[in-house]
Amino acid sequence: MLFALYGILLIGGMWLVGISFASPILPGLVFIGGVLCIVAAVAVPIAAQRLERDPNEHARR
């Protein structure tokens, strides 16, 4: 399930970054959205690994 989410975010972010150069409306905003999608795609496996390793870690803080 997370692999599908990772793939959608990564490919979608790459598509947004690519299409931003041809976008007539707010290309900078489209580019930033694409970069944020790519960052979220990288953050999903990292966050999932931390939660899988110790799910109660956040309760101790």
Protein backbone atom coordinates (compact mmCIF):
# COMPACT_ATOMS: atom_id res chain seq x y z
CA MET A 1 0.00 0.00 0.00
CA LEU A 2 2.72 2.47 0.91
CA PHE A 3 4.65 1.52 -2.21
CA ALA A 4 1.69 2.62 -4.34
CA LEU A 5 1.43 5.92 -2.44
CA TYR A 6 5.17 6.46 -2.83
CA GLY A 7 4.99 5.76 -6.55
CA ILE A 8 2.02 8.03 -7.13
CA LEU A 9 3.63 10.90 -5.22
CA LEU A 10 6.98 10.46 -6.93
CA ILE A 11 5.66 10.15 -10.49
CA GLY A 12 3.06 12.86 -9.91
CA GLY A 13 5.69 15.22 -8.51
CA MET A 14 8.01 14.57 -11.44
CA TRP A 15 5.12 15.21 -13.82
CA LEU A 16 4.26 18.49 -12.08
CA VAL A 17 7.87 19.66 -12.21
CA GLY A 18 8.05 18.81 -15.90
CA ILE A 19 4.73 20.40 -16.83
CA SER A 20 5.53 23.57 -14.86
CA PHE A 21 7.81 24.84 -17.62
CA ALA A 22 4.92 24.82 -20.12
CA SER A 23 2.24 26.02 -17.69
CA PRO A 24 0.80 29.39 -18.68
CA ILE A 25 -0.74 29.97 -15.23
CA LEU A 26 1.51 30.22 -12.17
CA PRO A 27 4.40 28.01 -13.30
CA GLY A 28 6.32 28.73 -10.11
CA LEU A 29 3.47 27.46 -7.96
CA VAL A 30 3.14 24.30 -10.06
CA PHE A 31 6.91 23.72 -9.75
CA ILE A 32 6.81 24.16 -5.97
CA GLY A 33 3.86 21.76 -5.77
CA GLY A 34 5.84 19.18 -7.71
CA VAL A 35 8.87 19.56 -5.47
CA LEU A 36 6.66 19.20 -2.39
CA CYS A 37 5.15 16.01 -3.83
CA ILE A 38 8.62 14.58 -4.37
CA VAL A 39 9.63 15.53 -0.82
CA ALA A 40 6.48 13.86 0.53
CA ALA A 41 7.30 10.74 -1.50
CA VAL A 42 10.70 10.55 0.18
CA ALA A 43 9.22 11.25 3.64
CA VAL A 44 6.57 8.50 3.48
CA PRO A 45 8.97 5.51 3.72
CA ILE A 46 11.09 7.24 6.35
CA ALA A 47 8.07 7.99 8.55
CA ALA A 48 6.66 4.50 8.02
CA GLN A 49 9.96 2.92 9.06
CA ARG A 50 10.12 4.99 12.23
CA LEU A 51 6.54 4.09 13.16
CA GLU A 52 7.12 0.43 12.40
CA ARG A 53 10.27 0.32 14.52
CA ASP A 54 8.74 1.90 17.63
CA PRO A 55 5.07 2.95 17.38
CA ASN A 56 4.94 4.30 20.95
CA GLU A 57 8.01 6.51 20.61
CA HIS A 58 5.96 9.68 20.25
CA ALA A 59 4.07 8.91 23.50
CA ARG A 60 7.28 9.15 25.56
CA ARG A 61 8.01 12.72 24.52
